[in-house]
Amino acid sequence: MEVENPAETGQSSALVILSRSAVTKKASGKPAPFYEVNINNNNTPVQFDDLDGDGQWDELVFLHDFKPKEKLTVILRSSEIKPTGSSESKAHVRHQRLLENGSFGPSLAADTIDGKQKPTDFSKQKFPPFLTEGPAWENDRVGFRLYFDTRNGKDIWGKLKPEMVLDSVGKDSTANYHALNDWGMDLLKVGSSLGAGALALFIPDMEGKDTLVRVGGSNMGSILYERVADGPVRAIFRMHYKNWQVHPFISPVSLTEEIQIWGGQLFYESVITSTGLPANAALVTGIVNLYDAPQNEILEGKSTAIFTHHKQSENKDKLAMAILLNKKELQEFSIAKNSDTDIRNTYLVKMKTRNNQPNRFRFYAAWEKSVPALSDSARFEAFLRDELKTFQQPILVIE
């Protein structure tokens, strides 16, 4: 098969996706159970992802560094067994519950909580009910976590090692992951903001005023975590909010957020699908702003982004954060009012939203200790401009 980088810029650790249908077509309708992937006479680590849970893989994925406009040939060699590839995982997601014996259980494929799950009071208990308070996902460069409770916020792990470390973080109550460790640290103070890309819903003219409502709180109904894929190339999980009672006079809203992360990148990608939205409602995400960090907006072709670059990490050093999305999905950039709302200190990204039509964005985090080359704001902006160019130009598969 032929694959091509259509962009004028190079793409490092680009995600190449070969769909089952494309491979089946190439195999004249008779696909092998699995395949080894060979590029330039070298086998590359590969992953087979079952996205719909039917027991068959739907996508074959791998990473590759592309030069600008590069086209290359991918040789698929049939295999009866799943190739093991590299022993070094570059992407991982985990969610673990606290057991009665005080240890944390295995990583769960699925888990459900009542929407009224309260945040942990660490003055009364040593461990939260979930390891580091909820699902955590990482690659070889950065990590993130979700608060699996009414806050439903997102946080950032700064990493100083490429190994997958988040299975062990938080299991020792005497080791403070908010302080600098040899592996890195929890970087972000979230407070009542949207943190690192948490979700909200904007509802215009509700009870005579515009309202911004966090995807969280005590009216969520049950919340389901679902692991879809777990490395070595990429990790995918979904959060299902199926019965969100936004307001007593509004029919329940259903949201599903699918998050994925793959090796070599400084972002996670989020795709949100919603149904039952009130008229003119809009999905909102955002970046925390607790330290008066200037907001910067950039536009490059069909993509746009906002970013901050400031001394805003919990280590009191520089942390750059950005949200990147398709320009046609952007309704507006704005700032949280900090009054008459539980969402404060946030630069907001309001997206044009329609029932059953997905919204997509990427959230970036670059900590100066782990990415010193981006510790300067101008360099981070230049990096983002390249990312904007490639965002709408994923690797093409030529069937």
Protein backbone atom coordinates (compact mmCIF):
# COMPACT_ATOMS: atom_id res chain seq x y z
CA MET A 1 0.00 0.00 0.00
CA GLU A 2 1.08 3.60 -0.58
CA VAL A 3 0.90 6.25 2.16
CA GLU A 4 1.65 9.94 1.75
CA ASN A 5 2.27 13.01 3.85
CA PRO A 6 0.33 15.72 1.94
CA ALA A 7 1.68 18.57 4.10
CA GLU A 8 4.44 21.00 3.21
CA THR A 9 5.96 20.33 6.64
CA GLY A 10 7.39 17.13 8.06
CA GLN A 11 5.33 15.05 10.47
CA SER A 12 7.10 13.35 13.38
CA SER A 13 5.47 10.23 14.86
CA ALA A 14 2.55 10.67 12.49
CA LEU A 15 -0.30 8.24 13.08
CA VAL A 16 -0.95 6.05 10.04
CA ILE A 17 -4.36 4.36 10.02
CA LEU A 18 -5.08 1.47 7.68
CA SER A 19 -8.75 0.58 7.87
CA ARG A 20 -9.91 -3.01 7.74
CA SER A 21 -11.89 -2.22 4.60
CA ALA A 22 -8.81 -0.82 2.85
CA VAL A 23 -6.71 -3.84 3.81
CA THR A 24 -9.50 -6.20 2.78
CA LYS A 25 -9.70 -4.52 -0.61
CA LYS A 26 -5.96 -4.83 -1.04
CA ALA A 27 -6.18 -8.52 -0.10
CA SER A 28 -8.88 -9.13 -2.73
CA GLY A 29 -11.54 -9.61 -0.10
CA LYS A 30 -9.63 -12.21 1.92
CA PRO A 31 -7.74 -10.45 4.74
CA ALA A 32 -5.34 -12.34 6.98
CA PRO A 33 -6.02 -12.46 10.73
CA PHE A 34 -3.12 -10.03 11.30
CA TYR A 35 -0.26 -8.37 9.46
CA GLU A 36 3.34 -7.40 9.94
CA VAL A 37 4.14 -3.93 8.61
CA ASN A 38 7.41 -3.46 6.76
CA ILE A 39 8.77 -0.07 5.66
CA ASN A 40 12.14 0.26 3.94
CA ASN A 41 12.97 -3.36 4.86
CA ASN A 42 12.27 -2.79 8.54
CA ASN A 43 9.32 -4.07 10.56
CA THR A 44 7.58 -1.36 12.56
CA PRO A 45 5.52 -1.74 15.78
CA VAL A 46 1.87 -2.06 14.88
CA GLN A 47 -1.43 -2.11 16.75
CA PHE A 48 -4.80 -3.66 15.87
CA ASP A 49 -7.79 -1.81 17.34
CA ASP A 50 -11.31 -3.16 17.69
CA LEU A 51 -13.30 0.08 17.83
CA ASP A 52 -16.83 -1.35 17.91
CA GLY A 53 -16.28 -4.30 20.24
CA ASP A 54 -17.28 -7.00 17.76
CA GLY A 55 -14.11 -9.03 18.28
CA GLN A 56 -12.50 -8.06 14.95
CA TRP A 57 -9.91 -5.34 14.50
CA ASP A 58 -11.17 -2.28 12.61
CA GLU A 59 -7.95 -0.30 12.26
CA LEU A 60 -4.30 -1.24 11.89
CA VAL A 61 -2.18 1.66 13.16
CA PHE A 62 1.50 2.53 13.38
CA LEU A 63 3.74 5.59 13.74
CA HIS A 64 6.21 6.93 11.22
CA ASP A 65 8.32 10.07 10.69
CA PHE A 66 7.53 11.71 7.35
CA LYS A 67 9.40 14.32 5.38
CA PRO A 68 7.39 17.07 3.66
CA LYS A 69 5.31 15.62 0.82
CA GLU A 70 6.90 12.20 1.33
CA LYS A 71 5.27 9.15 -0.19
CA LEU A 72 6.30 5.64 0.77
CA THR A 73 5.36 2.02 0.26
CA VAL A 74 4.04 -0.06 3.13
CA ILE A 75 4.41 -3.82 2.74
CA LEU A 76 1.87 -5.93 4.65
CA ARG A 77 2.87 -9.50 5.41
CA SER A 78 0.09 -11.78 6.56
CA SER A 79 0.34 -13.40 9.97
CA GLU A 80 -1.80 -15.90 11.85
CA ILE A 81 -0.73 -14.43 15.18
CA LYS A 82 -0.74 -10.84 16.34
CA PRO A 83 2.76 -9.33 15.90
CA THR A 84 4.34 -8.39 19.20
CA GLY A 85 6.23 -5.41 17.77
CA SER A 86 8.30 -3.36 20.18
CA SER A 87 8.27 -4.15 23.90
CA GLU A 88 8.29 -0.41 24.65
CA SER A 89 4.78 1.00 24.82
CA LYS A 90 4.38 4.61 23.69
CA ALA A 91 0.78 5.09 24.81
CA HIS A 92 -1.28 3.89 27.75
CA VAL A 93 -4.59 4.46 29.52
CA ARG A 94 -5.54 3.07 32.92
CA HIS A 95 -8.36 3.30 35.43
CA GLN A 96 -8.05 1.47 38.75
CA ARG A 97 -10.34 1.22 41.76
CA LEU A 98 -9.28 1.12 45.39
CA LEU A 99 -9.83 -2.33 46.93
CA GLU A 100 -10.92 -3.12 50.47
CA ASN A 101 -7.38 -4.19 51.40
CA GLY A 102 -6.08 -0.68 50.62
CA SER A 103 -4.40 -1.56 47.33
CA PHE A 104 -5.54 -0.66 43.84
CA GLY A 105 -6.99 -3.32 41.58
CA PRO A 106 -6.17 -4.05 37.94
CA SER A 107 -6.82 -1.61 35.15
CA LEU A 108 -10.51 -1.82 34.28
CA ALA A 109 -12.00 -2.20 30.81
CA ALA A 110 -15.16 -0.43 32.00
CA ASP A 111 -16.47 1.26 35.12
CA THR A 112 -19.57 3.20 36.13
CA ILE A 113 -20.22 5.78 38.82
CA ASP A 114 -23.24 7.69 39.96
CA GLY A 115 -23.07 11.30 38.83
CA LYS A 116 -23.18 12.39 42.47
CA GLN A 117 -19.72 10.92 43.17
CA LYS A 118 -18.04 13.50 45.42
CA PRO A 119 -14.38 14.59 45.25
CA THR A 120 -12.07 12.92 47.75
CA ASP A 121 -11.56 14.66 51.08
CA PHE A 122 -7.88 13.84 51.68
CA SER A 123 -8.09 15.17 55.22
CA LYS A 124 -10.33 12.19 56.02
CA GLN A 125 -8.94 9.42 53.83
CA LYS A 126 -5.49 8.43 52.61
CA PHE A 127 -6.46 7.26 49.12
CA PRO A 128 -9.19 8.26 46.67
CA PRO A 129 -11.61 5.56 45.43
CA PHE A 130 -9.76 5.59 42.08
CA LEU A 131 -6.02 5.78 41.47
CA THR A 132 -5.11 9.50 41.11
CA GLU A 133 -8.86 10.20 41.28
CA GLY A 134 -9.81 8.72 37.91
CA PRO A 135 -8.68 7.62 34.45
CA ALA A 136 -5.17 8.66 33.41
CA TRP A 137 -3.65 8.51 29.96
CA GLU A 138 -0.11 9.13 28.76
CA ASN A 139 2.38 8.73 25.99
CA ASP A 140 6.16 8.93 26.01
CA ARG A 141 6.10 12.75 26.36
CA VAL A 142 3.12 13.90 28.43
CA GLY A 143 0.18 12.63 30.47
CA PHE A 144 -3.31 13.69 31.53
CA ARG A 145 -5.99 12.64 34.00
CA LEU A 146 -9.73 13.02 34.49
CA TYR A 147 -11.40 13.58 37.87
CA PHE A 148 -13.98 10.77 38.02
CA ASP A 149 -16.42 12.72 40.21
CA THR A 150 -18.68 15.78 40.12
CA ARG A 151 -15.77 18.06 39.12
CA ASN A 152 -15.13 16.12 35.90
CA GLY A 153 -11.99 18.22 35.36
CA LYS A 154 -8.84 17.42 33.38
CA ASP A 155 -5.28 17.77 34.64
CA ILE A 156 -1.74 17.44 33.24
CA TRP A 157 1.15 15.15 34.15
CA GLY A 158 4.57 16.54 33.26
CA LYS A 159 6.88 13.67 32.31
CA LEU A 160 10.66 13.47 32.53
CA LYS A 161 10.85 9.82 31.41
CA PRO A 162 9.50 8.19 28.24
CA GLU A 163 8.39 5.06 30.10
CA MET A 164 4.73 4.56 31.00
CA VAL A 165 4.75 5.64 34.66
CA LEU A 166 1.15 6.34 35.65
CA ASP A 167 0.38 2.82 36.88
CA SER A 168 2.60 3.48 39.88
CA VAL A 169 1.94 7.17 40.55
CA GLY A 170 -0.41 7.68 43.49
CA LYS A 171 -0.04 4.24 45.07
CA ASP A 172 2.30 5.46 47.80
CA SER A 173 0.49 7.96 50.03
CA THR A 174 3.82 9.35 51.30
CA ALA A 175 4.98 10.29 47.77
CA ASN A 176 3.51 13.63 46.77
CA TYR A 177 2.84 13.67 43.03
CA HIS A 178 2.22 17.43 43.19
CA ALA A 179 5.96 17.85 43.91
CA LEU A 180 8.81 17.21 41.48
CA ASN A 181 9.86 13.54 41.24
CA ASP A 182 12.36 11.77 39.02
CA TRP A 183 9.53 10.77 36.63
CA GLY A 184 7.87 14.22 36.63
CA MET A 185 4.86 15.63 38.51
CA ASP A 186 1.25 16.77 38.44
CA LEU A 187 1.63 20.16 36.77
CA LEU A 188 -1.69 21.94 36.92
CA LYS A 189 -3.79 23.70 39.49
CA VAL A 190 -7.32 23.37 38.12
CA GLY A 191 -9.55 24.93 40.79
CA SER A 192 -12.97 25.83 39.40
CA SER A 193 -11.67 26.22 35.83
CA LEU A 194 -11.99 23.82 32.90
CA GLY A 195 -8.35 22.87 33.46
CA ALA A 196 -6.81 21.01 30.54
CA GLY A 197 -9.73 20.79 28.14
CA ALA A 198 -12.69 19.76 30.31
CA LEU A 199 -16.15 20.20 28.82
CA ALA A 200 -19.10 22.51 29.37
CA LEU A 201 -22.32 23.40 27.59
CA PHE A 202 -23.31 26.95 26.67
CA ILE A 203 -27.08 27.49 26.64
CA PRO A 204 -28.23 30.91 25.44
CA ASP A 205 -31.13 32.72 27.08
CA MET A 206 -31.99 30.09 29.67
CA GLU A 207 -34.25 31.72 32.24
CA GLY A 208 -33.48 35.07 30.67
CA LYS A 209 -29.69 34.78 30.71
CA ASP A 210 -26.85 32.97 28.96
CA THR A 211 -25.68 30.01 30.99
CA LEU A 212 -22.44 28.04 31.00
CA VAL A 213 -22.89 24.60 32.59
CA ARG A 214 -20.05 22.23 33.39
CA VAL A 215 -20.27 18.65 32.11
CA GLY A 216 -20.22 17.43 35.68
CA GLY A 217 -22.05 18.27 38.88
CA SER A 218 -24.68 16.23 40.65
CA ASN A 219 -27.24 15.96 37.83
CA MET A 220 -25.21 13.78 35.46
CA GLY A 221 -26.93 10.45 36.05
CA SER A 222 -24.60 7.50 35.66
CA ILE A 223 -21.19 8.06 34.04
CA LEU A 224 -19.48 5.24 32.15
CA TYR A 225 -15.76 4.84 31.47
CA GLU A 226 -14.92 2.50 28.57
CA ARG A 227 -11.40 1.49 27.54
CA VAL A 228 -11.15 0.90 23.79
CA ALA A 229 -7.42 0.45 23.09
CA ASP A 230 -4.30 0.42 25.23
CA GLY A 231 -1.02 0.74 23.34
CA PRO A 232 1.68 0.16 22.34
CA VAL A 233 1.03 2.76 19.59
CA ARG A 234 -2.06 4.60 20.82
CA ALA A 235 -4.56 4.51 23.67
CA ILE A 236 -8.29 5.23 23.34
CA PHE A 237 -11.06 5.49 25.89
CA ARG A 238 -14.61 6.86 25.97
CA MET A 239 -16.58 8.69 28.61
CA HIS A 240 -20.35 8.29 28.30
CA TYR A 241 -22.73 10.78 29.92
CA LYS A 242 -26.04 9.31 28.83
CA ASN A 243 -28.60 11.05 31.03
CA TRP A 244 -27.43 14.55 31.90
CA GLN A 245 -30.26 16.58 33.39
CA VAL A 246 -28.87 20.01 32.49
CA HIS A 247 -31.93 21.82 33.82
CA PRO A 248 -35.30 20.69 35.28
CA PHE A 249 -37.13 22.17 32.29
CA ILE A 250 -34.80 20.75 29.62
CA SER A 251 -34.85 17.17 28.35
CA PRO A 252 -31.78 15.11 29.27
CA VAL A 253 -28.68 15.47 27.12
CA SER A 254 -26.42 12.58 26.12
CA LEU A 255 -22.70 13.07 25.45
CA THR A 256 -19.90 10.70 24.52
CA GLU A 257 -16.31 11.93 24.57
CA GLU A 258 -13.70 9.73 22.90
CA ILE A 259 -10.12 10.58 23.87
CA GLN A 260 -7.03 9.19 22.22
CA ILE A 261 -3.32 9.73 22.59
CA TRP A 262 -0.47 8.28 20.56
CA GLY A 263 3.28 8.19 20.86
CA GLY A 264 5.57 11.12 20.21
CA GLN A 265 2.99 13.92 20.57
CA LEU A 266 2.30 16.70 23.07
CA PHE A 267 -1.48 16.46 22.86
CA TYR A 268 -4.51 14.31 23.36
CA GLU A 269 -7.33 14.40 20.82
CA SER A 270 -10.98 14.61 21.86
CA VAL A 271 -14.04 13.82 19.73
CA ILE A 272 -17.43 14.61 21.32
CA THR A 273 -20.79 13.45 20.02
CA SER A 274 -24.00 14.76 21.59
CA THR A 275 -27.75 14.26 21.33
CA GLY A 276 -30.72 15.99 22.90
CA LEU A 277 -29.07 19.41 22.87
CA PRO A 278 -31.26 22.45 23.55
CA ALA A 279 -31.74 24.87 20.66
CA ASN A 280 -28.61 26.92 19.88
CA ALA A 281 -26.58 25.18 22.59
CA ALA A 282 -22.82 24.93 22.04
CA LEU A 283 -20.12 22.68 23.43
CA VAL A 284 -17.34 24.51 25.22
CA THR A 285 -13.85 23.54 26.30
CA GLY A 286 -11.08 25.66 27.75
CA ILE A 287 -7.67 26.37 29.26
CA VAL A 288 -7.18 27.28 32.90
CA ASN A 289 -5.98 30.82 33.60
CA LEU A 290 -5.07 31.31 37.25
CA TYR A 291 -1.91 33.40 36.72
CA ASP A 292 -2.99 36.13 34.29
CA ALA A 293 -1.34 34.39 31.37
CA PRO A 294 -1.93 36.31 28.12
CA GLN A 295 -4.21 34.56 25.65
CA ASN A 296 -2.88 34.20 22.10
CA GLU A 297 -4.92 33.34 19.03
CA ILE A 298 -3.48 32.03 15.77
CA LEU A 299 -4.96 31.02 12.45
CA GLU A 300 -3.31 28.89 9.81
CA GLY A 301 -5.36 27.88 6.78
CA LYS A 302 -8.37 25.84 7.87
CA SER A 303 -7.24 25.44 11.49
CA THR A 304 -7.10 27.75 14.48
CA ALA A 305 -5.82 27.69 18.05
CA ILE A 306 -5.55 29.57 21.31
CA PHE A 307 -2.58 29.19 23.61
CA THR A 308 -0.97 30.45 26.77
CA HIS A 309 2.73 30.38 27.62
CA HIS A 310 3.56 31.49 31.13
CA LYS A 311 4.99 30.53 34.52
CA GLN A 312 1.88 28.59 35.43
CA SER A 313 2.99 25.11 36.46
CA GLU A 314 2.83 23.87 40.04
CA ASN A 315 6.63 23.79 39.85
CA LYS A 316 6.56 27.58 39.33
CA ASP A 317 8.07 27.31 35.88
CA LYS A 318 6.84 27.67 32.32
CA LEU A 319 3.99 25.59 30.96
CA ALA A 320 2.49 26.13 27.52
CA MET A 321 -1.06 25.01 26.84
CA ALA A 322 -3.09 25.17 23.64
CA ILE A 323 -6.37 24.08 22.11
CA LEU A 324 -6.36 23.44 18.38
CA LEU A 325 -9.43 22.83 16.22
CA ASN A 326 -10.90 23.11 12.77
CA LYS A 327 -11.76 26.75 11.99
CA LYS A 328 -15.20 25.83 10.65
CA GLU A 329 -16.10 24.30 14.04
CA LEU A 330 -15.17 27.44 16.01
CA GLN A 331 -17.98 29.70 17.13
CA GLU A 332 -15.83 32.02 19.24
CA PHE A 333 -12.99 32.36 21.72
CA SER A 334 -14.03 34.05 24.96
CA ILE A 335 -13.23 34.33 28.67
CA ALA A 336 -15.21 32.95 31.63
CA LYS A 337 -17.12 35.69 33.47
CA ASN A 338 -16.02 34.54 36.95
CA SER A 339 -19.47 35.40 38.30
CA ASP A 340 -22.83 33.60 38.30
CA THR A 341 -21.08 30.42 37.24
CA ASP A 342 -19.09 27.57 38.75
CA ILE A 343 -16.63 27.79 35.81
CA ARG A 344 -14.03 30.45 36.48
CA ASN A 345 -10.51 31.47 35.45
CA THR A 346 -10.81 29.91 32.00
CA TYR A 347 -10.11 30.89 28.41
CA LEU A 348 -13.09 29.39 26.58
CA VAL A 349 -13.44 27.76 23.18
CA LYS A 350 -17.06 27.68 22.05
CA MET A 351 -17.73 25.22 19.24
CA LYS A 352 -20.49 25.13 16.66
CA THR A 353 -22.49 22.13 17.80
CA ARG A 354 -25.20 20.00 16.22
CA ASN A 355 -26.90 16.86 17.46
CA ASN A 356 -25.12 13.69 16.27
CA GLN A 357 -22.36 15.72 14.57
CA PRO A 358 -18.94 15.25 16.20
CA ASN A 359 -16.75 18.08 17.47
CA ARG A 360 -12.98 17.55 17.53
CA PHE A 361 -10.14 19.36 19.25
CA ARG A 362 -6.60 18.73 20.46
CA PHE A 363 -5.25 19.86 23.81
CA TYR A 364 -1.48 20.52 23.96
CA ALA A 365 0.80 20.77 26.99
CA ALA A 366 4.52 21.59 26.83
CA TRP A 367 6.39 21.89 30.14
CA GLU A 368 9.79 23.56 29.98
CA LYS A 369 11.49 20.77 31.96
CA SER A 370 10.37 18.07 29.55
CA VAL A 371 10.37 20.14 26.33
CA PRO A 372 13.06 22.82 26.80
CA ALA A 373 13.03 23.64 23.09
CA LEU A 374 9.52 25.08 23.53
CA SER A 375 10.22 27.09 26.70
CA ASP A 376 10.13 30.26 24.61
CA SER A 377 6.70 31.60 23.58
CA ALA A 378 7.76 32.43 20.02
CA ARG A 379 9.09 28.90 19.49
CA PHE A 380 5.90 27.40 20.86
CA GLU A 381 3.85 29.53 18.49
CA ALA A 382 6.00 28.43 15.55
CA PHE A 383 5.54 24.80 16.65
CA LEU A 384 1.76 25.30 16.82
CA ARG A 385 1.68 26.84 13.36
CA ASP A 386 3.24 23.66 11.97
CA GLU A 387 0.73 21.61 13.95
CA LEU A 388 -2.11 23.67 12.49
CA LYS A 389 -0.85 22.93 8.98
CA THR A 390 -0.81 19.17 9.55
CA PHE A 391 -4.03 19.00 11.63
CA GLN A 392 -6.17 19.12 8.50
CA GLN A 393 -3.70 17.09 6.46
CA PRO A 394 -3.45 13.65 8.06
CA ILE A 395 -1.43 10.94 6.39
CA LEU A 396 -3.20 9.72 3.26
CA VAL A 397 -3.62 6.06 2.44
CA ILE A 398 -3.61 5.52 -1.32
CA GLU A 399 -5.66 2.42 -2.01
